[in-house]
Amino acid sequence: MNLAIPLGNAKYAFLTNENIRIGDQVFPCISGYHTGNKFYIMDVDATEVLTNPEYVLACTGWPSQPHTVEKFYHDDCGLLHISTDKGCSPSEVYFKVIKPEGETK
């Protein structure tokens, strides 16, 4: 899945949760719920960036304090999770930057 986080002035940061590897710098950008082996997005946390940047930095690290991927593991239900230096969550919530901030092409 890909995200475009608005930065204002028609600029975006582009992120993806595909092909994340150990050592990658990631941000937990969404909240969600697992049921029936599917993940459902409940909220995109990074959309608060323009209205409350302190909240986003404290909760997700965006944009200056990324989480570093340390390992992958499956929980008791067999769902893939990512463990980082700042915590762990289902793999679907973590995104890495694929284009520099403001780059549109």
PDB file of N, CA and C in Angstrom:
ATOM      1  N   MET A   1       0.842  -1.159   0.000  1.00  0.00           N
ATOM      2  CA  MET A   1       0.000   0.000   0.000  1.00  0.00           C
ATOM      3  C   MET A   1       0.899   1.238   0.000  1.00  0.00           C
ATOM      4  N   ASN A   2       0.443   2.284  -0.652  1.00  0.00           N
ATOM      5  CA  ASN A   2       1.194   3.521  -0.734  1.00  0.00           C
ATOM      6  C   ASN A   2       0.408   4.653  -0.074  1.00  0.00           C
ATOM      7  N   LEU A   3       1.138   5.600   0.509  1.00  0.00           N
ATOM      8  CA  LEU A   3       0.538   6.782   1.122  1.00  0.00           C
ATOM      9  C   LEU A   3       1.204   8.023   0.557  1.00  0.00           C
ATOM     10  N   ALA A   4       0.430   9.086   0.441  1.00  0.00           N
ATOM     11  CA  ALA A   4       0.966  10.412   0.135  1.00  0.00           C
ATOM     12  C   ALA A   4       0.554  11.300   1.297  1.00  0.00           C
ATOM     13  N   ILE A   5       1.534  11.806   2.041  1.00  0.00           N
ATOM     14  CA  ILE A   5       1.244  12.665   3.179  1.00  0.00           C
ATOM     15  C   ILE A   5       1.372  14.108   2.724  1.00  0.00           C
ATOM     16  N   PRO A   6       0.273  14.881   2.833  1.00  0.00           N
ATOM     17  CA  PRO A   6       0.344  16.279   2.396  1.00  0.00           C
ATOM     18  C   PRO A   6       1.253  17.090   3.309  1.00  0.00           C
ATOM     19  N   LEU A   7       2.113  17.897   2.681  1.00  0.00           N
ATOM     20  CA  LEU A   7       3.038  18.750   3.423  1.00  0.00           C
ATOM     21  C   LEU A   7       2.687  20.225   3.279  1.00  0.00           C
ATOM     22  N   GLY A   8       1.666  20.526   2.492  1.00  0.00           N
ATOM     23  CA  GLY A   8       1.286  21.905   2.216  1.00  0.00           C
ATOM     24  C   GLY A   8       1.949  22.391   0.937  1.00  0.00           C
ATOM     25  N   ASN A   9       1.435  23.467   0.387  1.00  0.00           N
ATOM     26  CA  ASN A   9       1.970  24.053  -0.844  1.00  0.00           C
ATOM     27  C   ASN A   9       2.065  23.032  -1.973  1.00  0.00           C
ATOM     28  N   ALA A  10       1.082  22.142  -2.075  1.00  0.00           N
ATOM     29  CA  ALA A  10       1.016  21.116  -3.120  1.00  0.00           C
ATOM     30  C   ALA A  10       2.212  20.170  -3.103  1.00  0.00           C
ATOM     31  N   LYS A  11       2.803  19.952  -1.934  1.00  0.00           N
ATOM     32  CA  LYS A  11       3.914  19.012  -1.804  1.00  0.00           C
ATOM     33  C   LYS A  11       3.482  17.844  -0.930  1.00  0.00           C
ATOM     34  N   TYR A  12       4.063  16.676  -1.222  1.00  0.00           N
ATOM     35  CA  TYR A  12       3.719  15.451  -0.528  1.00  0.00           C
ATOM     36  C   TYR A  12       4.976  14.653  -0.200  1.00  0.00           C
ATOM     37  N   ALA A  13       4.881  13.839   0.823  1.00  0.00           N
ATOM     38  CA  ALA A  13       5.882  12.809   1.085  1.00  0.00           C
ATOM     39  C   ALA A  13       5.237  11.497   0.651  1.00  0.00           C
ATOM     40  N   PHE A  14       5.977  10.670  -0.061  1.00  0.00           N
ATOM     41  CA  PHE A  14       5.444   9.415  -0.572  1.00  0.00           C
ATOM     42  C   PHE A  14       6.059   8.259   0.196  1.00  0.00           C
ATOM     43  N   LEU A  15       5.194   7.357   0.671  1.00  0.00           N
ATOM     44  CA  LEU A  15       5.636   6.231   1.485  1.00  0.00           C
ATOM     45  C   LEU A  15       4.976   4.948   1.005  1.00  0.00           C
ATOM     46  N   THR A  16       5.576   3.806   1.376  1.00  0.00           N
ATOM     47  CA  THR A  16       5.013   2.501   1.064  1.00  0.00           C
ATOM     48  C   THR A  16       5.244   1.545   2.224  1.00  0.00           C
ATOM     49  N   ASN A  17       4.387   0.542   2.335  1.00  0.00           N
ATOM     50  CA  ASN A  17       4.633  -0.517   3.326  1.00  0.00           C
ATOM     51  C   ASN A  17       5.011  -1.828   2.622  1.00  0.00           C
ATOM     52  N   GLU A  18       5.435  -1.731   1.387  1.00  0.00           N
ATOM     53  CA  GLU A  18       5.866  -2.895   0.625  1.00  0.00           C
ATOM     54  C   GLU A  18       7.379  -3.081   0.740  1.00  0.00           C
ATOM     55  N   ASN A  19       7.815  -4.321   0.756  1.00  0.00           N
ATOM     56  CA  ASN A  19       9.240  -4.681   0.761  1.00  0.00           C
ATOM     57  C   ASN A  19      10.039  -4.061   1.915  1.00  0.00           C
ATOM     58  N   ILE A  20       9.425  -3.983   3.078  1.00  0.00           N
ATOM     59  CA  ILE A  20      10.147  -3.496   4.260  1.00  0.00           C
ATOM     60  C   ILE A  20      11.081  -4.594   4.731  1.00  0.00           C
ATOM     61  N   ARG A  21      12.308  -4.194   5.097  1.00  0.00           N
ATOM     62  CA  ARG A  21      13.342  -5.145   5.516  1.00  0.00           C
ATOM     63  C   ARG A  21      13.944  -4.725   6.858  1.00  0.00           C
ATOM     64  N   ILE A  22      14.633  -5.644   7.495  1.00  0.00           N
ATOM     65  CA  ILE A  22      15.339  -5.343   8.735  1.00  0.00           C
ATOM     66  C   ILE A  22      16.328  -4.212   8.459  1.00  0.00           C
ATOM     67  N   GLY A  23      16.339  -3.224   9.350  1.00  0.00           N
ATOM     68  CA  GLY A  23      17.209  -2.063   9.207  1.00  0.00           C
ATOM     69  C   GLY A  23      16.548  -0.868   8.552  1.00  0.00           C
ATOM     70  N   ASP A  24      15.405  -1.070   7.902  1.00  0.00           N
ATOM     71  CA  ASP A  24      14.700   0.052   7.272  1.00  0.00           C
ATOM     72  C   ASP A  24      14.214   1.041   8.324  1.00  0.00           C
ATOM     73  N   GLN A  25      14.157   2.303   7.931  1.00  0.00           N
ATOM     74  CA  GLN A  25      13.611   3.367   8.761  1.00  0.00           C
ATOM     75  C   GLN A  25      12.136   3.506   8.387  1.00  0.00           C
ATOM     76  N   VAL A  26      11.242   3.315   9.361  1.00  0.00           N
ATOM     77  CA  VAL A  26       9.809   3.281   9.087  1.00  0.00           C
ATOM     78  C   VAL A  26       9.043   4.165  10.065  1.00  0.00           C
ATOM     79  N   PHE A  27       7.796   4.426   9.707  1.00  0.00           N
ATOM     80  CA  PHE A  27       6.893   5.209  10.544  1.00  0.00           C
ATOM     81  C   PHE A  27       5.567   4.466  10.656  1.00  0.00           C
ATOM     82  N   PRO A  28       5.002   4.336  11.869  1.00  0.00           N
ATOM     83  CA  PRO A  28       3.675   3.738  12.001  1.00  0.00           C
ATOM     84  C   PRO A  28       2.622   4.794  11.651  1.00  0.00           C
ATOM     85  N   CYS A  29       2.132   4.759  10.429  1.00  0.00           N
ATOM     86  CA  CYS A  29       1.282   5.830   9.912  1.00  0.00           C
ATOM     87  C   CYS A  29      -0.213   5.557   9.972  1.00  0.00           C
ATOM     88  N   ILE A  30      -0.604   4.312  10.183  1.00  0.00           N
ATOM     89  CA  ILE A  30      -2.038   4.025  10.203  1.00  0.00           C
ATOM     90  C   ILE A  30      -2.398   3.206  11.435  1.00  0.00           C
ATOM     91  N   SER A  31      -3.669   3.270  11.782  1.00  0.00           N
ATOM     92  CA  SER A  31      -4.221   2.432  12.843  1.00  0.00           C
ATOM     93  C   SER A  31      -5.215   1.496  12.187  1.00  0.00           C
ATOM     94  N   GLY A  32      -5.331   0.299  12.723  1.00  0.00           N
ATOM     95  CA  GLY A  32      -6.255  -0.627  12.104  1.00  0.00           C
ATOM     96  C   GLY A  32      -6.669  -1.757  13.004  1.00  0.00           C
ATOM     97  N   TYR A  33      -7.398  -2.680  12.414  1.00  0.00           N
ATOM     98  CA  TYR A  33      -7.989  -3.793  13.142  1.00  0.00           C
ATOM     99  C   TYR A  33      -7.863  -5.056  12.301  1.00  0.00           C
ATOM    100  N   HIS A  34      -7.373  -6.130  12.918  1.00  0.00           N
ATOM    101  CA  HIS A  34      -7.298  -7.433  12.248  1.00  0.00           C
ATOM    102  C   HIS A  34      -8.532  -8.253  12.602  1.00  0.00           C
ATOM    103  N   THR A  35      -9.161  -8.825  11.601  1.00  0.00           N
ATOM    104  CA  THR A  35     -10.235  -9.788  11.830  1.00  0.00           C
ATOM    105  C   THR A  35     -10.336 -10.669  10.595  1.00  0.00           C
ATOM    106  N   GLY A  36     -10.554 -11.944  10.814  1.00  0.00           N
ATOM    107  CA  GLY A  36     -10.673 -12.867   9.694  1.00  0.00           C
ATOM    108  C   GLY A  36      -9.456 -12.873   8.796  1.00  0.00           C
ATOM    109  N   ASN A  37      -8.258 -12.737   9.379  1.00  0.00           N
ATOM    110  CA  ASN A  37      -6.994 -12.695   8.645  1.00  0.00           C
ATOM    111  C   ASN A  37      -6.905 -11.533   7.662  1.00  0.00           C
ATOM    112  N   LYS A  38      -7.692 -10.494   7.874  1.00  0.00           N
ATOM    113  CA  LYS A  38      -7.617  -9.284   7.058  1.00  0.00           C
ATOM    114  C   LYS A  38      -7.376  -8.100   7.970  1.00  0.00           C
ATOM    115  N   PHE A  39      -6.680  -7.089   7.426  1.00  0.00           N
ATOM    116  CA  PHE A  39      -6.406  -5.864   8.158  1.00  0.00           C
ATOM    117  C   PHE A  39      -7.273  -4.753   7.596  1.00  0.00           C
ATOM    118  N   TYR A  40      -7.991  -4.066   8.466  1.00  0.00           N
ATOM    119  CA  TYR A  40      -8.860  -2.974   8.062  1.00  0.00           C
ATOM    120  C   TYR A  40      -8.318  -1.666   8.626  1.00  0.00           C
ATOM    121  N   ILE A  41      -8.136  -0.682   7.776  1.00  0.00           N
ATOM    122  CA  ILE A  41      -7.635   0.623   8.213  1.00  0.00           C
ATOM    123  C   ILE A  41      -8.747   1.363   8.933  1.00  0.00           C
ATOM    124  N   MET A  42      -8.422   1.852  10.128  1.00  0.00           N
ATOM    125  CA  MET A  42      -9.374   2.648  10.898  1.00  0.00           C
ATOM    126  C   MET A  42      -9.031   4.134  10.848  1.00  0.00           C
ATOM    127  N   ASP A  43      -7.742   4.449  10.731  1.00  0.00           N
ATOM    128  CA  ASP A  43      -7.328   5.842  10.750  1.00  0.00           C
ATOM    129  C   ASP A  43      -5.952   5.975  10.113  1.00  0.00           C
ATOM    130  N   VAL A  44      -5.737   7.074   9.398  1.00  0.00           N
ATOM    131  CA  VAL A  44      -4.417   7.388   8.875  1.00  0.00           C
ATOM    132  C   VAL A  44      -3.830   8.445   9.804  1.00  0.00           C
ATOM    133  N   ASP A  45      -2.939   8.013  10.700  1.00  0.00           N
ATOM    134  CA  ASP A  45      -2.412   8.886  11.739  1.00  0.00           C
ATOM    135  C   ASP A  45      -1.627  10.062  11.183  1.00  0.00           C
ATOM    136  N   ALA A  46      -0.959   9.894  10.074  1.00  0.00           N
ATOM    137  CA  ALA A  46      -0.093  10.943   9.534  1.00  0.00           C
ATOM    138  C   ALA A  46      -0.878  12.097   8.915  1.00  0.00           C
ATOM    139  N   THR A  47      -2.187  11.955   8.719  1.00  0.00           N
ATOM    140  CA  THR A  47      -2.946  13.058   8.143  1.00  0.00           C
ATOM    141  C   THR A  47      -3.080  14.211   9.123  1.00  0.00           C
ATOM    142  N   GLU A  48      -2.752  13.998  10.393  1.00  0.00           N
ATOM    143  CA  GLU A  48      -2.779  15.065  11.393  1.00  0.00           C
ATOM    144  C   GLU A  48      -1.600  16.014  11.235  1.00  0.00           C
ATOM    145  N   VAL A  49      -0.664  15.710  10.341  1.00  0.00           N
ATOM    146  CA  VAL A  49       0.595  16.443  10.270  1.00  0.00           C
ATOM    147  C   VAL A  49       0.422  17.953  10.099  1.00  0.00           C
ATOM    148  N   LEU A  50      -0.577  18.383   9.361  1.00  0.00           N
ATOM    149  CA  LEU A  50      -0.754  19.812   9.144  1.00  0.00           C
ATOM    150  C   LEU A  50      -1.471  20.497  10.291  1.00  0.00           C
ATOM    151  N   THR A  51      -2.273  19.756  11.055  1.00  0.00           N
ATOM    152  CA  THR A  51      -3.043  20.373  12.129  1.00  0.00           C
ATOM    153  C   THR A  51      -2.429  20.174  13.509  1.00  0.00           C
ATOM    154  N   ASN A  52      -1.700  19.094  13.708  1.00  0.00           N
ATOM    155  CA  ASN A  52      -1.110  18.849  15.016  1.00  0.00           C
ATOM    156  C   ASN A  52       0.204  18.087  14.878  1.00  0.00           C
ATOM    157  N   PRO A  53       1.260  18.753  14.429  1.00  0.00           N
ATOM    158  CA  PRO A  53       2.528  18.064  14.197  1.00  0.00           C
ATOM    159  C   PRO A  53       3.151  17.482  15.460  1.00  0.00           C
ATOM    160  N   GLU A  54       2.879  18.055  16.640  1.00  0.00           N
ATOM    161  CA  GLU A  54       3.429  17.514  17.877  1.00  0.00           C
ATOM    162  C   GLU A  54       2.865  16.125  18.157  1.00  0.00           C
ATOM    163  N   TYR A  55       1.569  15.934  17.906  1.00  0.00           N
ATOM    164  CA  TYR A  55       0.937  14.631  18.085  1.00  0.00           C
ATOM    165  C   TYR A  55       1.567  13.602  17.160  1.00  0.00           C
ATOM    166  N   VAL A  56       1.735  13.970  15.904  1.00  0.00           N
ATOM    167  CA  VAL A  56       2.280  13.036  14.919  1.00  0.00           C
ATOM    168  C   VAL A  56       3.704  12.653  15.286  1.00  0.00           C
ATOM    169  N   LEU A  57       4.537  13.608  15.678  1.00  0.00           N
ATOM    170  CA  LEU A  57       5.916  13.309  16.053  1.00  0.00           C
ATOM    171  C   LEU A  57       5.948  12.385  17.269  1.00  0.00           C
ATOM    172  N   ALA A  58       5.146  12.674  18.272  1.00  0.00           N
ATOM    173  CA  ALA A  58       5.147  11.858  19.492  1.00  0.00           C
ATOM    174  C   ALA A  58       4.646  10.440  19.244  1.00  0.00           C
ATOM    175  N   CYS A  59       3.652  10.274  18.392  1.00  0.00           N
ATOM    176  CA  CYS A  59       3.032   8.959  18.204  1.00  0.00           C
ATOM    177  C   CYS A  59       3.621   8.145  17.056  1.00  0.00           C
ATOM    178  N   THR A  60       4.109   8.815  16.028  1.00  0.00           N
ATOM    179  CA  THR A  60       4.595   8.081  14.859  1.00  0.00           C
ATOM    180  C   THR A  60       6.067   8.317  14.556  1.00  0.00           C
ATOM    181  N   GLY A  61       6.635   9.395  15.118  1.00  0.00           N
ATOM    182  CA  GLY A  61       8.005   9.755  14.790  1.00  0.00           C
ATOM    183  C   GLY A  61       8.126  10.587  13.529  1.00  0.00           C
ATOM    184  N   TRP A  62       7.014  10.757  12.812  1.00  0.00           N
ATOM    185  CA  TRP A  62       7.037  11.488  11.555  1.00  0.00           C
ATOM    186  C   TRP A  62       7.295  12.955  11.809  1.00  0.00           C
ATOM    187  N   PRO A  63       8.182  13.592  11.070  1.00  0.00           N
ATOM    188  CA  PRO A  63       9.013  13.075   9.994  1.00  0.00           C
ATOM    189  C   PRO A  63      10.472  12.847  10.397  1.00  0.00           C
ATOM    190  N   SER A  64      10.852  13.208  11.627  1.00  0.00           N
ATOM    191  CA  SER A  64      12.281  13.260  11.961  1.00  0.00           C
ATOM    192  C   SER A  64      12.790  12.147  12.870  1.00  0.00           C
ATOM    193  N   GLN A  65      11.905  11.302  13.398  1.00  0.00           N
ATOM    194  CA  GLN A  65      12.339  10.262  14.325  1.00  0.00           C
ATOM    195  C   GLN A  65      11.802   8.889  13.908  1.00  0.00           C
ATOM    196  N   PRO A  66      12.328   8.350  12.808  1.00  0.00           N
ATOM    197  CA  PRO A  66      11.829   7.056  12.323  1.00  0.00           C
ATOM    198  C   PRO A  66      12.133   5.921  13.282  1.00  0.00           C
ATOM    199  N   HIS A  67      11.372   4.872  13.161  1.00  0.00           N
ATOM    200  CA  HIS A  67      11.590   3.637  13.907  1.00  0.00           C
ATOM    201  C   HIS A  67      12.463   2.739  13.035  1.00  0.00           C
ATOM    202  N   THR A  68      13.385   1.994  13.624  1.00  0.00           N
ATOM    203  CA  THR A  68      14.254   1.094  12.872  1.00  0.00           C
ATOM    204  C   THR A  68      13.743  -0.338  13.024  1.00  0.00           C
ATOM    205  N   VAL A  69      13.508  -1.007  11.904  1.00  0.00           N
ATOM    206  CA  VAL A  69      13.008  -2.389  11.930  1.00  0.00           C
ATOM    207  C   VAL A  69      14.093  -3.304  12.483  1.00  0.00           C
ATOM    208  N   GLU A  70      13.744  -4.077  13.529  1.00  0.00           N
ATOM    209  CA  GLU A  70      14.688  -5.008  14.143  1.00  0.00           C
ATOM    210  C   GLU A  70      14.384  -6.457  13.799  1.00  0.00           C
ATOM    211  N   LYS A  71      13.089  -6.808  13.719  1.00  0.00           N
ATOM    212  CA  LYS A  71      12.741  -8.187  13.370  1.00  0.00           C
ATOM    213  C   LYS A  71      11.285  -8.281  12.964  1.00  0.00           C
ATOM    214  N   PHE A  72      10.966  -9.406  12.346  1.00  0.00           N
ATOM    215  CA  PHE A  72       9.602  -9.754  11.979  1.00  0.00           C
ATOM    216  C   PHE A  72       9.209 -10.981  12.795  1.00  0.00           C
ATOM    217  N   TYR A  73       7.953 -11.071  13.180  1.00  0.00           N
ATOM    218  CA  TYR A  73       7.487 -12.264  13.889  1.00  0.00           C
ATOM    219  C   TYR A  73       5.988 -12.437  13.658  1.00  0.00           C
ATOM    220  N   HIS A  74       5.501 -13.645  13.897  1.00  0.00           N
ATOM    221  CA  HIS A  74       4.074 -13.936  13.793  1.00  0.00           C
ATOM    222  C   HIS A  74       3.489 -14.029  15.194  1.00  0.00           C
ATOM    223  N   ASP A  75       2.318 -13.431  15.395  1.00  0.00           N
ATOM    224  CA  ASP A  75       1.669 -13.503  16.706  1.00  0.00           C
ATOM    225  C   ASP A  75       0.974 -14.851  16.862  1.00  0.00           C
ATOM    226  N   ASP A  76       0.236 -15.019  17.953  1.00  0.00           N
ATOM    227  CA  ASP A  76      -0.431 -16.292  18.243  1.00  0.00           C
ATOM    228  C   ASP A  76      -1.472 -16.674  17.190  1.00  0.00           C
ATOM    229  N   CYS A  77      -1.971 -15.694  16.461  1.00  0.00           N
ATOM    230  CA  CYS A  77      -2.948 -15.964  15.397  1.00  0.00           C
ATOM    231  C   CYS A  77      -2.282 -16.156  14.040  1.00  0.00           C
ATOM    232  N   GLY A  78      -0.956 -16.043  14.010  1.00  0.00           N
ATOM    233  CA  GLY A  78      -0.225 -16.222  12.762  1.00  0.00           C
ATOM    234  C   GLY A  78      -0.088 -14.966  11.928  1.00  0.00           C
ATOM    235  N   LEU A  79      -0.459 -13.804  12.484  1.00  0.00           N
ATOM    236  CA  LEU A  79      -0.383 -12.552  11.744  1.00  0.00           C
ATOM    237  C   LEU A  79       1.013 -11.953  11.873  1.00  0.00           C
ATOM    238  N   LEU A  80       1.524 -11.422  10.771  1.00  0.00           N
ATOM    239  CA  LEU A  80       2.870 -10.863  10.737  1.00  0.00           C
ATOM    240  C   LEU A  80       2.929  -9.520  11.461  1.00  0.00           C
ATOM    241  N   HIS A  81       3.920  -9.385  12.341  1.00  0.00           N
ATOM    242  CA  HIS A  81       4.172  -8.143  13.066  1.00  0.00           C
ATOM    243  C   HIS A  81       5.612  -7.707  12.819  1.00  0.00           C
ATOM    244  N   ILE A  82       5.849  -6.418  13.020  1.00  0.00           N
ATOM    245  CA  ILE A  82       7.194  -5.869  12.921  1.00  0.00           C
ATOM    246  C   ILE A  82       7.576  -5.327  14.287  1.00  0.00           C
ATOM    247  N   SER A  83       8.771  -5.684  14.725  1.00  0.00           N
ATOM    248  CA  SER A  83       9.324  -5.155  15.961  1.00  0.00           C
ATOM    249  C   SER A  83      10.381  -4.126  15.582  1.00  0.00           C
ATOM    250  N   THR A  84      10.273  -2.922  16.169  1.00  0.00           N
ATOM    251  CA  THR A  84      11.231  -1.853  15.899  1.00  0.00           C
ATOM    252  C   THR A  84      11.921  -1.456  17.199  1.00  0.00           C
ATOM    253  N   ASP A  85      12.849  -0.532  17.095  1.00  0.00           N
ATOM    254  CA  ASP A  85      13.540  -0.037  18.277  1.00  0.00           C
ATOM    255  C   ASP A  85      12.625   0.784  19.183  1.00  0.00           C
ATOM    256  N   LYS A  86      11.397   1.086  18.707  1.00  0.00           N
ATOM    257  CA  LYS A  86      10.470   1.901  19.499  1.00  0.00           C
ATOM    258  C   LYS A  86       9.157   1.204  19.789  1.00  0.00           C
ATOM    259  N   GLY A  87       9.054  -0.083  19.453  1.00  0.00           N
ATOM    260  CA  GLY A  87       7.821  -0.816  19.715  1.00  0.00           C
ATOM    261  C   GLY A  87       7.512  -1.807  18.615  1.00  0.00           C
ATOM    262  N   CYS A  88       6.300  -2.333  18.642  1.00  0.00           N
ATOM    263  CA  CYS A  88       5.897  -3.298  17.619  1.00  0.00           C
ATOM    264  C   CYS A  88       4.426  -3.118  17.292  1.00  0.00           C
ATOM    265  N   SER A  89       4.080  -3.512  16.080  1.00  0.00           N
ATOM    266  CA  SER A  89       2.712  -3.411  15.585  1.00  0.00           C
ATOM    267  C   SER A  89       2.550  -4.379  14.417  1.00  0.00           C
ATOM    268  N   PRO A  90       1.292  -4.571  13.978  1.00  0.00           N
ATOM    269  CA  PRO A  90       1.091  -5.356  12.762  1.00  0.00           C
ATOM    270  C   PRO A  90       1.894  -4.763  11.610  1.00  0.00           C
ATOM    271  N   SER A  91       2.360  -5.601  10.730  1.00  0.00           N
ATOM    272  CA  SER A  91       3.228  -5.147   9.642  1.00  0.00           C
ATOM    273  C   SER A  91       2.568  -4.095   8.762  1.00  0.00           C
ATOM    274  N   GLU A  92       1.257  -4.122   8.656  1.00  0.00           N
ATOM    275  CA  GLU A  92       0.556  -3.196   7.762  1.00  0.00           C
ATOM    276  C   GLU A  92       0.688  -1.727   8.172  1.00  0.00           C
ATOM    277  N   VAL A  93       0.974  -1.443   9.434  1.00  0.00           N
ATOM    278  CA  VAL A  93       0.962  -0.044   9.879  1.00  0.00           C
ATOM    279  C   VAL A  93       2.250   0.709   9.567  1.00  0.00           C
ATOM    280  N   TYR A  94       3.339  -0.007   9.279  1.00  0.00           N
ATOM    281  CA  TYR A  94       4.632   0.645   9.083  1.00  0.00           C
ATOM    282  C   TYR A  94       4.875   0.999   7.618  1.00  0.00           C
ATOM    283  N   PHE A  95       5.381   2.219   7.398  1.00  0.00           N
ATOM    284  CA  PHE A  95       5.660   2.724   6.057  1.00  0.00           C
ATOM    285  C   PHE A  95       7.056   3.323   6.013  1.00  0.00           C
ATOM    286  N   LYS A  96       7.722   3.156   4.865  1.00  0.00           N
ATOM    287  CA  LYS A  96       9.028   3.776   4.654  1.00  0.00           C
ATOM    288  C   LYS A  96       8.907   4.788   3.528  1.00  0.00           C
ATOM    289  N   VAL A  97       9.745   5.810   3.585  1.00  0.00           N
ATOM    290  CA  VAL A  97       9.735   6.865   2.564  1.00  0.00           C
ATOM    291  C   VAL A  97      10.292   6.305   1.264  1.00  0.00           C
ATOM    292  N   ILE A  98       9.575   6.549   0.168  1.00  0.00           N
ATOM    293  CA  ILE A  98      10.056   6.096  -1.137  1.00  0.00           C
ATOM    294  C   ILE A  98      10.441   7.255  -2.037  1.00  0.00           C
ATOM    295  N   LYS A  99      10.030   8.472  -1.688  1.00  0.00           N
ATOM    296  CA  LYS A  99      10.447   9.670  -2.412  1.00  0.00           C
ATOM    297  C   LYS A  99      10.731  10.730  -1.377  1.00  0.00           C
ATOM    298  N   PRO A 100      11.746  11.534  -1.611  1.00  0.00           N
ATOM    299  CA  PRO A 100      12.028  12.621  -0.665  1.00  0.00           C
ATOM    300  C   PRO A 100      10.846  13.564  -0.510  1.00  0.00           C
ATOM    301  N   GLU A 101      10.754  14.203   0.640  1.00  0.00           N
ATOM    302  CA  GLU A 101       9.672  15.149   0.888  1.00  0.00           C
ATOM    303  C   GLU A 101       9.606  16.196  -0.207  1.00  0.00           C
ATOM    304  N   GLY A 102       8.387  16.418  -0.695  1.00  0.00           N
ATOM    305  CA  GLY A 102       8.172  17.445  -1.696  1.00  0.00           C
ATOM    306  C   GLY A 102       8.428  17.013  -3.131  1.00  0.00           C
ATOM    307  N   GLU A 103       9.105  15.886  -3.344  1.00  0.00           N
ATOM    308  CA  GLU A 103       9.355  15.420  -4.712  1.00  0.00           C
ATOM    309  C   GLU A 103       8.075  14.809  -5.252  1.00  0.00           C
ATOM    310  N   THR A 104       7.657  15.211  -6.431  1.00  0.00           N
ATOM    311  CA  THR A 104       6.403  14.720  -6.981  1.00  0.00           C
ATOM    312  C   THR A 104       6.577  13.763  -8.145  1.00  0.00           C
ATOM    313  N   LYS A 105       7.785  13.601  -8.650  1.00  0.00           N
ATOM    314  CA  LYS A 105       7.976  12.702  -9.791  1.00  0.00           C
ATOM    315  C   LYS A 105       8.860  11.550  -9.422  1.00  0.00           C
TER     316      LYS A 105
END
